[in-house]
N, C-alpha and C. Protein backbone atom coordinates (compact mmCIF):
# COMPACT_ATOMS: atom_id res chain seq x y z
N MET A 1 91.40 -138.90 -32.76
CA MET A 1 92.77 -138.34 -33.50
C MET A 1 93.41 -137.78 -32.35
N VAL A 2 93.01 -136.65 -31.38
CA VAL A 2 93.75 -136.02 -30.53
C VAL A 2 94.25 -137.01 -29.62
N ARG A 3 93.55 -138.20 -28.97
CA ARG A 3 94.12 -139.04 -28.36
C ARG A 3 95.46 -139.81 -28.79
N VAL A 4 95.71 -140.09 -29.90
CA VAL A 4 96.66 -140.62 -30.81
C VAL A 4 98.05 -139.77 -30.76
N LEU A 5 97.68 -138.56 -31.16
CA LEU A 5 98.52 -137.30 -30.99
C LEU A 5 99.03 -137.19 -29.95
N SER A 6 98.13 -137.36 -28.71
CA SER A 6 98.63 -137.14 -27.15
C SER A 6 99.62 -138.37 -26.72
N TYR A 7 99.02 -139.39 -27.23
CA TYR A 7 99.92 -140.75 -27.12
C TYR A 7 101.22 -140.55 -27.77
N TYR A 8 101.31 -140.08 -28.71
CA TYR A 8 102.99 -140.09 -29.14
C TYR A 8 103.46 -138.79 -28.80
N ALA A 9 103.01 -137.77 -28.32
CA ALA A 9 103.82 -136.68 -27.61
C ALA A 9 104.32 -137.32 -26.49
N LEU A 10 103.80 -138.18 -25.62
CA LEU A 10 103.99 -138.69 -24.23
C LEU A 10 104.58 -139.82 -24.52
N ASP A 11 105.15 -140.54 -25.73
CA ASP A 11 105.86 -141.90 -25.70
C ASP A 11 107.10 -141.32 -25.56
N PRO A 12 107.82 -142.55 -24.34
CA PRO A 12 109.27 -142.41 -23.78
C PRO A 12 110.36 -141.92 -24.89
N LEU A 13 110.00 -142.87 -26.00
CA LEU A 13 110.90 -142.94 -27.07
C LEU A 13 111.19 -141.47 -27.76
N VAL A 14 110.05 -141.05 -28.02
CA VAL A 14 110.01 -139.54 -28.66
C VAL A 14 110.77 -138.50 -27.35
N VAL A 15 110.29 -138.42 -26.25
CA VAL A 15 110.94 -137.59 -25.54
C VAL A 15 112.35 -137.35 -24.97
N THR A 16 112.66 -139.11 -24.77
CA THR A 16 114.19 -139.03 -24.49
C THR A 16 115.18 -139.57 -26.03
N GLY A 17 114.35 -139.31 -26.60
CA GLY A 17 115.26 -139.70 -28.25
C GLY A 17 115.92 -140.87 -28.24
N GLY A 18 115.50 -141.98 -27.75
CA GLY A 18 115.81 -143.38 -27.74
C GLY A 18 115.93 -144.44 -28.97
N GLU A 19 116.23 -145.31 -29.27
CA GLU A 19 116.18 -146.05 -30.79
C GLU A 19 114.81 -146.43 -30.92
N LYS A 20 114.35 -146.17 -31.88
CA LYS A 20 113.00 -146.69 -32.66
C LYS A 20 113.06 -147.81 -33.45
N PRO A 21 111.79 -148.56 -32.97
CA PRO A 21 111.60 -149.63 -33.87
C PRO A 21 111.65 -149.54 -35.32
N PRO A 22 111.48 -150.55 -36.10
CA PRO A 22 111.44 -150.60 -37.68
C PRO A 22 110.11 -149.90 -38.05
N GLY A 23 110.16 -149.01 -38.84
CA GLY A 23 108.92 -148.39 -39.52
C GLY A 23 108.34 -147.22 -38.51
N ARG A 24 109.04 -146.74 -37.34
CA ARG A 24 108.64 -145.87 -36.67
C ARG A 24 108.85 -144.53 -37.17
N GLU A 25 109.67 -144.45 -38.57
CA GLU A 25 110.11 -143.11 -38.95
C GLU A 25 108.49 -142.55 -39.69
N ILE A 26 108.21 -143.61 -40.11
CA ILE A 26 106.79 -143.47 -41.17
C ILE A 26 105.69 -142.81 -40.00
N VAL A 27 105.42 -143.54 -39.21
CA VAL A 27 104.72 -142.89 -38.10
C VAL A 27 104.99 -141.56 -37.45
N ASP A 28 106.07 -141.26 -37.12
CA ASP A 28 106.68 -140.10 -37.05
C ASP A 28 106.30 -138.83 -37.80
N ALA A 29 106.55 -139.36 -39.07
CA ALA A 29 106.38 -138.15 -40.03
C ALA A 29 105.00 -138.00 -40.42
N SER A 30 104.06 -139.19 -40.21
CA SER A 30 102.50 -138.77 -40.20
C SER A 30 102.14 -137.75 -39.22
N THR A 31 102.73 -138.15 -37.83
CA THR A 31 102.41 -137.65 -36.80
C THR A 31 102.77 -135.90 -37.04
N ARG A 32 103.83 -135.94 -37.51
CA ARG A 32 104.19 -134.19 -37.44
C ARG A 32 103.40 -133.47 -38.42
N LYS A 33 102.98 -134.24 -39.74
CA LYS A 33 102.41 -133.77 -41.04
C LYS A 33 101.13 -133.33 -39.86
N LEU A 34 100.30 -134.29 -39.32
CA LEU A 34 99.00 -133.68 -38.61
C LEU A 34 99.18 -132.60 -37.63
N PHE A 35 99.95 -132.74 -37.02
CA PHE A 35 100.59 -131.20 -36.13
C PHE A 35 100.40 -130.11 -36.88
N LEU A 36 101.09 -130.13 -37.80
CA LEU A 36 101.24 -128.96 -38.88
C LEU A 36 99.98 -128.88 -39.39
N GLU A 37 99.26 -129.63 -39.52
CA GLU A 37 97.84 -129.53 -40.22
C GLU A 37 96.84 -128.59 -39.25
N LEU A 38 97.25 -129.09 -37.89
CA LEU A 38 96.21 -128.84 -36.74
C LEU A 38 96.51 -127.28 -36.35
N ILE A 39 97.76 -126.93 -36.41
CA ILE A 39 98.25 -125.53 -36.26
C ILE A 39 97.81 -124.68 -37.52
N LYS A 40 97.94 -125.06 -38.37
CA LYS A 40 97.56 -124.27 -39.75
C LYS A 40 95.95 -123.91 -39.53
N PHE A 41 95.35 -124.90 -39.49
CA PHE A 41 93.98 -124.70 -39.18
C PHE A 41 93.32 -123.72 -37.83
N SER A 42 93.82 -124.16 -36.95
CA SER A 42 93.59 -123.07 -35.74
C SER A 42 94.15 -121.73 -36.30
N GLU A 43 95.04 -121.61 -37.17
CA GLU A 43 95.46 -120.04 -37.21
C GLU A 43 94.73 -119.37 -38.57
N THR A 44 93.97 -120.46 -38.94
CA THR A 44 93.12 -119.72 -40.24
C THR A 44 91.95 -119.04 -39.72
N ALA A 45 91.56 -117.52 -40.29
CA ALA A 45 90.49 -116.69 -40.06
C ALA A 45 89.36 -117.62 -40.62
N VAL A 46 88.41 -117.45 -39.99
CA VAL A 46 87.10 -117.84 -40.57
C VAL A 46 86.25 -116.83 -41.91
N ASP A 47 85.78 -117.36 -43.03
CA ASP A 47 85.44 -116.87 -44.00
C ASP A 47 83.76 -116.19 -43.26
N PRO A 48 83.55 -115.12 -43.23
CA PRO A 48 82.42 -114.74 -42.53
C PRO A 48 81.28 -114.74 -43.83
N SER A 49 81.58 -114.81 -45.23
CA SER A 49 80.77 -115.00 -46.30
C SER A 49 80.31 -116.74 -46.09
N VAL A 50 80.87 -117.58 -45.54
CA VAL A 50 80.59 -118.87 -45.29
C VAL A 50 79.34 -119.02 -44.40
N PRO A 51 78.37 -119.73 -44.89
CA PRO A 51 77.02 -119.83 -44.00
C PRO A 51 77.37 -120.73 -42.73
N LYS A 52 76.65 -119.97 -42.05
CA LYS A 52 76.71 -121.13 -40.57
C LYS A 52 75.70 -122.33 -40.73
N PRO A 53 76.00 -123.58 -40.43
CA PRO A 53 75.50 -124.73 -40.29
C PRO A 53 74.08 -124.59 -39.61
N ALA A 54 73.15 -125.06 -40.37
CA ALA A 54 71.58 -125.13 -39.89
C ALA A 54 71.85 -125.78 -38.71
N SER A 55 70.64 -124.98 -37.31
CA SER A 55 70.75 -125.52 -36.34
C SER A 55 70.14 -127.27 -36.44
N GLU A 56 70.30 -128.02 -35.71
CA GLU A 56 69.82 -129.16 -35.16
C GLU A 56 68.23 -129.07 -34.73
N TYR A 57 67.95 -128.12 -34.12
CA TYR A 57 66.65 -128.01 -33.76
C TYR A 57 66.00 -126.84 -34.16
N PRO A 58 64.49 -126.73 -34.96
CA PRO A 58 64.09 -125.65 -35.53
C PRO A 58 63.85 -124.34 -34.77
N PRO A 59 63.77 -123.31 -34.75
CA PRO A 59 63.34 -122.01 -33.62
C PRO A 59 61.80 -122.41 -33.53
N LYS A 60 61.92 -121.82 -31.88
CA LYS A 60 60.67 -121.90 -31.69
C LYS A 60 59.75 -120.41 -32.50
N LYS A 61 58.52 -121.30 -32.89
CA LYS A 61 57.73 -120.27 -33.36
C LYS A 61 57.11 -119.05 -32.14
N ALA A 62 56.80 -117.91 -32.69
CA ALA A 62 56.75 -116.71 -31.43
C ALA A 62 55.01 -117.33 -31.41
N LYS A 63 54.70 -116.93 -30.07
CA LYS A 63 53.63 -117.22 -29.76
C LYS A 63 52.63 -115.96 -30.13
N THR A 64 51.51 -116.19 -30.81
CA THR A 64 50.35 -115.36 -31.32
C THR A 64 49.34 -115.33 -30.27
N ILE A 65 48.89 -113.66 -29.93
CA ILE A 65 48.19 -113.32 -28.91
C ILE A 65 46.57 -113.10 -29.87
N LYS A 66 45.71 -113.97 -29.36
CA LYS A 66 44.27 -113.90 -29.99
C LYS A 66 43.76 -112.44 -29.25
N GLY A 67 42.53 -112.21 -29.84
CA GLY A 67 41.58 -111.03 -29.44
C GLY A 67 41.33 -111.55 -27.79
N GLY A 68 41.42 -110.50 -27.21
CA GLY A 68 41.54 -110.85 -25.76
C GLY A 68 42.14 -111.22 -24.79
N ASP A 69 43.25 -111.96 -25.51
CA ASP A 69 44.04 -112.78 -24.64
C ASP A 69 45.23 -111.69 -23.78
N TRP A 70 45.56 -111.91 -22.91
CA TRP A 70 46.42 -110.85 -21.85
C TRP A 70 47.75 -111.39 -21.20
N ILE A 71 48.57 -110.55 -21.43
CA ILE A 71 49.77 -110.72 -20.70
C ILE A 71 50.12 -110.51 -19.42
N CYS A 72 50.34 -111.43 -18.33
CA CYS A 72 50.42 -110.85 -16.84
C CYS A 72 51.40 -110.01 -16.54
N PRO A 73 51.05 -108.71 -15.88
CA PRO A 73 51.91 -107.85 -15.90
C PRO A 73 53.17 -108.18 -14.87
N LYS A 74 52.59 -109.35 -14.16
CA LYS A 74 53.97 -109.75 -12.98
C LYS A 74 54.95 -110.51 -13.40
N CYS A 75 54.40 -111.85 -14.29
CA CYS A 75 55.36 -112.90 -14.69
C CYS A 75 55.32 -113.16 -16.15
N ASN A 76 54.71 -112.16 -17.01
CA ASN A 76 54.35 -111.87 -18.60
C ASN A 76 54.05 -113.20 -19.18
N PHE A 77 53.41 -114.14 -18.33
CA PHE A 77 52.66 -115.09 -19.01
C PHE A 77 51.61 -114.99 -19.94
N ILE A 78 51.42 -115.49 -20.86
CA ILE A 78 50.61 -115.02 -21.82
C ILE A 78 48.90 -116.11 -21.46
N ASN A 79 47.87 -115.47 -20.63
CA ASN A 79 46.79 -115.87 -20.75
C ASN A 79 45.91 -116.01 -21.68
N PHE A 80 44.88 -116.78 -21.85
CA PHE A 80 43.59 -116.62 -22.58
C PHE A 80 42.78 -115.92 -22.00
N TRP A 81 42.03 -115.26 -23.23
CA TRP A 81 40.81 -114.04 -22.50
C TRP A 81 40.04 -114.65 -21.59
N ARG A 82 39.81 -115.86 -21.19
CA ARG A 82 38.50 -116.30 -20.40
C ARG A 82 39.36 -116.45 -18.90
N ASN A 83 40.56 -116.36 -18.83
CA ASN A 83 41.26 -116.40 -17.58
C ASN A 83 41.30 -115.08 -16.75
N ILE A 84 40.56 -115.31 -15.57
CA ILE A 84 40.68 -113.71 -14.97
C ILE A 84 41.47 -113.60 -13.77
N ILE A 85 42.42 -114.90 -13.73
CA ILE A 85 43.87 -114.79 -12.89
C ILE A 85 44.76 -115.42 -13.79
N CYS A 86 46.20 -115.19 -13.48
CA CYS A 86 47.11 -115.58 -14.11
C CYS A 86 47.11 -116.95 -13.59
N ARG A 87 47.30 -118.27 -14.84
CA ARG A 87 47.55 -119.41 -14.45
C ARG A 87 48.94 -119.70 -14.20
N GLN A 88 49.79 -118.93 -14.08
CA GLN A 88 51.00 -119.51 -13.66
C GLN A 88 51.62 -118.88 -12.20
N CYS A 89 51.08 -117.56 -12.10
CA CYS A 89 51.44 -116.71 -10.59
C CYS A 89 50.47 -116.34 -9.80
N LYS A 90 48.97 -116.57 -10.57
CA LYS A 90 47.66 -116.31 -9.83
C LYS A 90 47.73 -114.84 -9.70
N GLU A 91 48.30 -114.07 -10.35
CA GLU A 91 48.05 -112.69 -10.37
C GLU A 91 46.78 -112.42 -11.13
N ASP A 92 45.96 -111.29 -10.28
CA ASP A 92 44.51 -110.91 -10.86
C ASP A 92 44.69 -110.43 -12.20
N GLY A 93 44.11 -110.64 -13.34
CA GLY A 93 44.07 -110.19 -14.58
C GLY A 93 43.52 -108.77 -14.77
N PRO A 94 43.36 -108.08 -16.05
CA PRO A 94 42.99 -107.16 -16.29
C PRO A 94 41.56 -107.04 -15.91
N GLY A 95 40.76 -108.26 -16.07
CA GLY A 95 39.45 -108.20 -15.88
C GLY A 95 38.52 -108.70 -14.64
N SER A 96 39.84 -108.91 -13.92
CA SER A 96 39.38 -109.35 -12.67
C SER A 96 38.37 -108.86 -11.83
N VAL A 97 38.36 -107.08 -12.06
CA VAL A 97 37.74 -106.45 -11.36
C VAL A 97 36.66 -105.66 -12.10
N GLY A 98 35.32 -105.34 -11.67
CA GLY A 98 34.72 -104.46 -12.43
C GLY A 98 33.95 -105.48 -13.60
N VAL A 99 33.88 -104.68 -14.93
CA VAL A 99 33.27 -105.33 -15.64
C VAL A 99 34.21 -105.79 -16.70
N VAL A 100 33.74 -107.13 -17.29
CA VAL A 100 35.16 -107.60 -17.95
C VAL A 100 35.19 -107.07 -19.32
N ASP A 101 36.25 -106.54 -19.97
CA ASP A 101 36.38 -105.79 -21.14
C ASP A 101 36.72 -106.86 -22.30
N THR A 102 35.73 -107.95 -22.31
CA THR A 102 35.62 -109.18 -23.33
C THR A 102 34.43 -109.57 -24.28
N GLU A 103 34.77 -109.13 -25.45
CA GLU A 103 33.55 -109.64 -26.54
C GLU A 103 32.77 -110.83 -25.71
N MET A 104 31.39 -110.59 -25.63
CA MET A 104 30.96 -112.17 -25.26
C MET A 104 29.34 -112.12 -26.28
N LYS A 105 29.28 -113.47 -26.43
CA LYS A 105 28.77 -113.85 -27.40
C LYS A 105 27.24 -113.59 -26.95
N LYS A 106 26.30 -113.83 -27.92
CA LYS A 106 24.78 -113.82 -26.95
C LYS A 106 24.61 -115.15 -26.36
N GLY A 107 24.06 -114.59 -25.01
CA GLY A 107 23.70 -116.16 -23.69
C GLY A 107 24.76 -115.96 -23.22
N ASP A 108 25.97 -115.87 -23.31
CA ASP A 108 27.21 -116.07 -22.42
C ASP A 108 26.88 -115.32 -21.10
N TRP A 109 27.46 -115.47 -19.69
CA TRP A 109 27.26 -115.06 -18.74
C TRP A 109 28.33 -114.87 -18.15
N ILE A 110 28.40 -113.80 -17.25
CA ILE A 110 29.54 -113.95 -16.02
C ILE A 110 28.86 -114.74 -14.82
N CYS A 111 30.02 -115.57 -13.97
CA CYS A 111 29.56 -115.73 -12.65
C CYS A 111 29.54 -114.62 -12.16
N ILE A 112 28.60 -114.80 -10.65
CA ILE A 112 28.55 -113.38 -10.04
C ILE A 112 29.58 -114.15 -8.56
N GLU A 113 30.21 -115.05 -8.70
CA GLU A 113 30.83 -115.64 -7.20
C GLU A 113 32.12 -115.33 -7.88
N CYS A 114 32.79 -115.95 -8.86
CA CYS A 114 34.19 -115.74 -9.52
C CYS A 114 34.44 -114.92 -10.62
N ASN A 115 33.63 -114.04 -11.34
CA ASN A 115 33.54 -113.29 -12.62
C ASN A 115 34.12 -114.13 -13.60
N PHE A 116 33.86 -115.60 -13.81
CA PHE A 116 34.61 -116.47 -14.75
C PHE A 116 33.34 -116.04 -15.77
N ILE A 117 33.77 -115.93 -17.27
CA ILE A 117 32.89 -115.82 -18.47
C ILE A 117 32.59 -117.45 -18.68
N ASN A 118 31.34 -117.37 -18.87
CA ASN A 118 30.73 -118.82 -19.31
C ASN A 118 30.01 -118.78 -20.58
N PHE A 119 30.22 -120.02 -21.38
CA PHE A 119 29.27 -119.91 -22.55
C PHE A 119 27.61 -120.14 -22.08
N SER A 120 26.92 -119.72 -23.09
CA SER A 120 25.32 -119.68 -22.71
C SER A 120 25.02 -121.13 -22.30
N ARG A 121 25.71 -121.89 -22.81
CA ARG A 121 24.77 -123.51 -22.69
C ARG A 121 25.41 -124.16 -21.42
N ASN A 122 26.31 -123.33 -20.38
CA ASN A 122 26.63 -123.67 -19.36
C ASN A 122 25.78 -123.61 -18.37
N ILE A 123 25.09 -124.42 -17.55
CA ILE A 123 24.13 -123.95 -16.31
C ILE A 123 24.98 -123.92 -15.12
N GLN A 124 26.19 -124.41 -14.91
CA GLN A 124 27.13 -123.98 -13.74
C GLN A 124 28.14 -123.25 -14.40
N CYS A 125 28.84 -122.37 -13.32
CA CYS A 125 29.81 -121.84 -13.60
C CYS A 125 31.01 -123.08 -13.90
N LEU A 126 31.95 -122.91 -14.85
CA LEU A 126 33.05 -124.26 -15.05
C LEU A 126 34.11 -123.81 -14.19
N LYS A 127 34.24 -122.66 -13.30
CA LYS A 127 35.51 -122.61 -12.78
C LYS A 127 34.99 -122.82 -11.01
N CYS A 128 33.92 -122.45 -10.64
CA CYS A 128 33.70 -122.73 -9.16
C CYS A 128 32.20 -123.49 -8.77
N ARG A 129 31.50 -124.00 -9.93
CA ARG A 129 30.29 -124.62 -10.00
C ARG A 129 29.07 -123.77 -9.45
N ALA A 130 29.21 -122.61 -9.43
CA ALA A 130 27.96 -121.96 -9.20
C ALA A 130 26.98 -121.78 -10.16
N GLU A 131 25.49 -122.08 -9.43
CA GLU A 131 24.51 -121.68 -10.50
C GLU A 131 24.57 -120.89 -11.46
N GLY A 132 24.19 -120.63 -12.62
CA GLY A 132 24.15 -120.00 -13.37
C GLY A 132 22.91 -119.01 -13.42
N PRO A 133 22.77 -118.21 -14.08
CA PRO A 133 21.50 -117.36 -14.14
C PRO A 133 20.12 -118.15 -14.62
N LYS A 134 19.17 -118.03 -14.10
CA LYS A 134 17.96 -118.60 -14.29
C LYS A 134 17.55 -117.99 -15.54
N LYS A 135 17.45 -118.58 -16.67
CA LYS A 135 16.91 -118.20 -17.95
C LYS A 135 15.14 -118.19 -17.91
N VAL A 136 14.69 -117.26 -17.90
CA VAL A 136 13.27 -117.63 -18.01
C VAL A 136 12.76 -116.88 -19.17
N ASP A 137 11.69 -117.64 -19.56
CA ASP A 137 11.00 -117.08 -20.89
C ASP A 137 10.14 -116.21 -20.35
N MET A 138 9.85 -115.12 -21.55
CA MET A 138 9.20 -113.75 -20.90
C MET A 138 7.77 -114.33 -21.33
N ASP A 139 7.36 -115.48 -21.58
CA ASP A 139 5.86 -115.44 -21.50
C ASP A 139 5.09 -116.42 -20.00
N GLU A 140 6.14 -116.41 -19.37
CA GLU A 140 6.23 -117.08 -17.89
C GLU A 140 5.22 -116.17 -16.86
N GLU A 141 4.70 -116.56 -16.06
CA GLU A 141 3.84 -115.85 -15.23
C GLU A 141 4.84 -114.91 -14.46
N VAL A 142 5.92 -115.40 -13.78
CA VAL A 142 6.62 -115.26 -12.88
C VAL A 142 7.30 -113.63 -13.44
N VAL A 143 7.18 -113.63 -14.46
CA VAL A 143 8.25 -112.11 -15.05
C VAL A 143 7.01 -111.14 -15.39
N LYS A 144 7.14 -110.18 -14.48
CA LYS A 144 6.00 -109.20 -14.51
C LYS A 144 6.17 -108.28 -15.93
N LYS A 145 5.28 -107.30 -15.99
CA LYS A 145 5.37 -106.61 -17.30
C LYS A 145 6.54 -105.84 -17.37
N GLY A 146 7.27 -105.60 -18.34
CA GLY A 146 8.63 -104.56 -18.65
C GLY A 146 9.72 -105.27 -18.25
N ASP A 147 9.93 -106.43 -17.48
CA ASP A 147 11.04 -107.01 -17.04
C ASP A 147 11.66 -107.75 -18.24
N TRP A 148 12.62 -107.98 -18.53
CA TRP A 148 13.75 -108.32 -19.62
C TRP A 148 15.00 -109.17 -19.29
N ASN A 149 14.72 -109.84 -20.19
CA ASN A 149 16.46 -110.75 -20.29
C ASN A 149 17.37 -110.09 -21.09
N CYS A 150 18.69 -110.11 -20.31
CA CYS A 150 19.59 -109.17 -21.25
C CYS A 150 19.88 -110.42 -22.42
N ALA A 151 20.29 -109.84 -23.51
CA ALA A 151 20.62 -110.47 -24.77
C ALA A 151 21.96 -110.99 -24.53
N GLN A 152 22.75 -110.40 -24.01
CA GLN A 152 24.36 -110.89 -23.77
C GLN A 152 24.55 -111.80 -22.67
N CYS A 153 23.79 -111.88 -21.44
CA CYS A 153 24.39 -112.63 -20.52
C CYS A 153 23.16 -113.48 -19.83
N GLY A 154 21.83 -113.47 -20.51
CA GLY A 154 20.70 -114.14 -19.97
C GLY A 154 20.00 -113.72 -18.86
N PHE A 155 20.90 -112.86 -18.13
CA PHE A 155 20.36 -112.37 -16.68
C PHE A 155 18.81 -111.51 -16.49
N LEU A 156 18.15 -111.70 -15.68
CA LEU A 156 16.79 -111.44 -15.93
C LEU A 156 16.60 -110.05 -14.91
N ASN A 157 16.13 -108.84 -15.54
CA ASN A 157 16.42 -107.94 -14.81
C ASN A 157 14.79 -107.29 -14.78
N PHE A 158 14.81 -106.31 -13.91
CA PHE A 158 13.51 -105.42 -13.56
C PHE A 158 13.03 -104.68 -14.81
N ALA A 159 12.11 -104.19 -15.13
CA ALA A 159 11.65 -103.20 -15.82
C ALA A 159 12.34 -101.96 -15.74
N LYS A 160 12.65 -101.52 -14.73
CA LYS A 160 13.07 -100.07 -14.29
C LYS A 160 14.76 -100.15 -14.39
N ASN A 161 15.34 -101.40 -14.85
CA ASN A 161 16.74 -101.03 -15.22
C ASN A 161 17.00 -100.82 -16.31
N LYS A 162 17.86 -99.88 -16.95
CA LYS A 162 18.39 -99.59 -18.09
C LYS A 162 19.45 -100.55 -18.99
N LYS A 163 20.24 -100.87 -17.74
CA LYS A 163 21.23 -101.66 -18.28
C LYS A 163 21.23 -102.72 -17.21
N CYS A 164 21.80 -103.88 -17.87
CA CYS A 164 21.61 -105.21 -17.11
C CYS A 164 22.30 -105.10 -15.73
N LEU A 165 21.94 -105.56 -14.76
CA LEU A 165 22.88 -105.81 -13.34
C LEU A 165 23.91 -106.45 -13.38
N ARG A 166 24.26 -107.31 -14.19
CA ARG A 166 25.16 -108.40 -14.30
C ARG A 166 26.15 -107.78 -15.45
N CYS A 167 26.08 -107.53 -16.27
CA CYS A 167 27.10 -107.25 -17.45
C CYS A 167 26.69 -105.72 -17.86
N CYS A 168 26.05 -105.09 -17.19
CA CYS A 168 26.10 -103.84 -17.57
C CYS A 168 25.54 -103.34 -19.29
N ASN A 169 25.18 -104.45 -20.06
CA ASN A 169 24.60 -104.60 -21.63
C ASN A 169 23.10 -103.57 -21.42
N SER A 170 23.14 -102.73 -22.35
CA SER A 170 21.92 -101.69 -22.31
C SER A 170 20.74 -102.55 -22.67
N ARG A 171 19.65 -102.14 -22.00
CA ARG A 171 18.43 -102.65 -22.30
C ARG A 171 18.10 -102.79 -23.75
N PRO A 172 17.58 -103.64 -24.19
CA PRO A 172 16.88 -103.80 -25.68
C PRO A 172 15.72 -102.81 -25.94
N GLU A 173 15.16 -102.39 -26.74
CA GLU A 173 14.39 -101.46 -26.92
C GLU A 173 12.87 -102.16 -26.90
N ARG A 174 12.25 -101.32 -26.26
CA ARG A 174 10.91 -102.27 -25.70
C ARG A 174 9.82 -101.78 -27.00
N LYS A 175 9.03 -103.06 -26.82
CA LYS A 175 8.05 -103.15 -27.70
C LYS A 175 6.82 -102.86 -27.22
N LEU A 176 6.41 -101.59 -27.09
CA LEU A 176 5.03 -101.03 -26.27
C LEU A 176 3.85 -101.53 -27.33
N ASN A 177 2.91 -102.15 -26.70
CA ASN A 177 1.32 -102.21 -27.00
C ASN A 177 1.01 -100.70 -27.56
N ARG A 178 0.05 -100.84 -28.09
CA ARG A 178 -0.43 -99.12 -28.54
C ARG A 178 -1.08 -98.50 -27.14
N GLY A 179 -0.56 -97.42 -27.21
CA GLY A 179 -1.18 -96.78 -26.22
C GLY A 179 -0.39 -96.87 -24.93
N ASP A 180 0.48 -98.19 -24.51
CA ASP A 180 1.02 -98.03 -23.66
C ASP A 180 2.45 -97.16 -23.16
N TRP A 181 2.63 -96.79 -22.22
CA TRP A 181 3.56 -95.62 -22.08
C TRP A 181 4.37 -95.93 -20.84
N GLU A 182 5.68 -95.38 -21.17
CA GLU A 182 6.86 -95.23 -19.87
C GLU A 182 6.81 -94.29 -19.12
N CYS A 183 6.61 -94.40 -17.77
CA CYS A 183 7.10 -93.36 -16.96
C CYS A 183 8.16 -92.64 -17.10
N PRO A 184 8.30 -90.98 -17.34
CA PRO A 184 9.28 -90.34 -17.67
C PRO A 184 10.21 -90.16 -16.15
N SER A 185 9.24 -90.51 -15.21
CA SER A 185 10.04 -90.39 -13.79
C SER A 185 10.58 -91.42 -13.06
N CYS A 186 10.04 -92.67 -13.71
CA CYS A 186 10.48 -93.87 -12.39
C CYS A 186 10.86 -95.07 -13.73
N ASP A 187 10.55 -94.79 -15.11
CA ASP A 187 10.71 -95.69 -16.36
C ASP A 187 9.90 -97.00 -16.03
N TYR A 188 8.73 -96.56 -15.33
CA TYR A 188 7.73 -98.02 -14.95
C TYR A 188 7.03 -97.99 -16.32
N LEU A 189 6.61 -99.32 -17.02
CA LEU A 189 5.50 -99.27 -17.75
C LEU A 189 4.14 -99.54 -17.38
N ASN A 190 3.65 -98.54 -18.20
CA ASN A 190 2.09 -98.37 -17.71
C ASN A 190 1.03 -98.71 -18.58
N PHE A 191 -0.06 -99.20 -18.47
CA PHE A 191 -0.85 -99.60 -19.64
C PHE A 191 -1.54 -98.36 -20.03
N LYS A 192 -2.33 -98.62 -20.96
CA LYS A 192 -3.00 -97.36 -21.65
C LYS A 192 -3.89 -96.71 -20.63
N ARG A 193 -4.61 -97.65 -20.04
CA ARG A 193 -5.98 -97.15 -19.30
C ARG A 193 -5.49 -96.36 -17.98
N ASN A 194 -3.98 -96.71 -17.70
CA ASN A 194 -3.43 -95.76 -16.49
C ASN A 194 -3.24 -94.20 -16.95
N LYS A 195 -3.72 -93.46 -16.21
CA LYS A 195 -3.66 -91.95 -16.28
C LYS A 195 -2.82 -91.51 -15.37
N ALA A 196 -2.08 -92.10 -14.51
CA ALA A 196 -0.84 -91.90 -13.58
C ALA A 196 0.00 -93.08 -13.34
N CYS A 197 1.11 -93.05 -13.63
CA CYS A 197 1.89 -94.22 -13.33
C CYS A 197 1.59 -95.11 -11.69
N LEU A 198 1.40 -96.10 -12.30
CA LEU A 198 1.29 -97.06 -10.78
C LEU A 198 1.97 -97.27 -9.81
N LYS A 199 3.49 -96.84 -10.13
CA LYS A 199 4.48 -96.82 -9.37
C LYS A 199 4.60 -95.67 -8.55
N CYS A 200 4.53 -94.63 -9.10
CA CYS A 200 5.18 -93.50 -8.41
C CYS A 200 4.26 -92.31 -8.96
N ASN A 201 3.22 -92.47 -9.18
CA ASN A 201 1.70 -91.81 -9.18
C ASN A 201 2.32 -90.26 -10.13
N CYS A 202 2.97 -90.52 -10.99
CA CYS A 202 3.51 -89.19 -11.80
C CYS A 202 2.34 -89.41 -12.93
N GLU A 203 1.77 -88.46 -13.49
CA GLU A 203 0.81 -88.03 -14.38
C GLU A 203 1.48 -88.56 -15.65
N HIS A 204 0.40 -88.86 -16.72
CA HIS A 204 0.49 -89.47 -17.87
C HIS A 204 1.04 -88.13 -18.78
N PRO A 205 2.52 -88.25 -19.34
CA PRO A 205 2.69 -87.21 -20.14
C PRO A 205 1.85 -86.37 -21.09
N GLU A 206 1.13 -87.03 -21.30
CA GLU A 206 0.42 -86.64 -22.64
C GLU A 206 -1.28 -86.36 -21.95
N ALA A 207 -1.30 -86.96 -20.82
CA ALA A 207 -2.77 -86.81 -20.67
C ALA A 207 -3.33 -85.16 -20.25
N PRO A 208 -4.19 -84.98 -21.09
CA PRO A 208 -5.01 -83.62 -20.70
C PRO A 208 -4.84 -82.89 -19.48
N ALA A 209 -4.82 -81.61 -19.18
CA ALA A 209 -4.48 -80.98 -18.20
C ALA A 209 -5.79 -80.59 -17.45
N THR A 210 -6.11 -81.09 -15.87
CA THR A 210 -7.22 -81.01 -15.51
C THR A 210 -7.42 -79.44 -15.15
N GLN A 211 -8.93 -79.35 -15.07
CA GLN A 211 -9.22 -78.09 -14.92
C GLN A 211 -9.33 -77.60 -13.57
């Protein structure tokens, strides 16, 4: 439409006012009418009550952050909870230093090489391929009395450890045989027959005093 009107405006006969061919008056009248309608339309104010046409593309849904997910402080990228570094800019995540503040299920473990959180079924770290902690049955002979497997990460701890050396989870309550006792000095687990701690020689707390 604009091209037709532009062609008419640049017509030499229109510019010079020369002799027009038969039927040209109808074309001129229609063209003038279109020009007037365009001018009128351009000067008409837009009614604010008229709704805007719907966008061809639906708006993007806002990303939801699940529990444990974190936003990179450097590039604002949303990372999953298991990422210890930002996947976009490689910035350290909030849990890359020290203990990871992320809820772990029973048996999940933290890689000692790269701090990646692995599921309990993983025998190797999914990130760096380091070997996972050896899960030892408490009935095996290699486990000394009192040693314990962490219920959270599966790490085998010595009896003296009140917290897991890997994930700092608290030691489960010990199930002592009747008469067995824990040394108040070094926390060593002693048999009933031991009058003094086999590790630090501390006396049994309930042993009768010697005369």
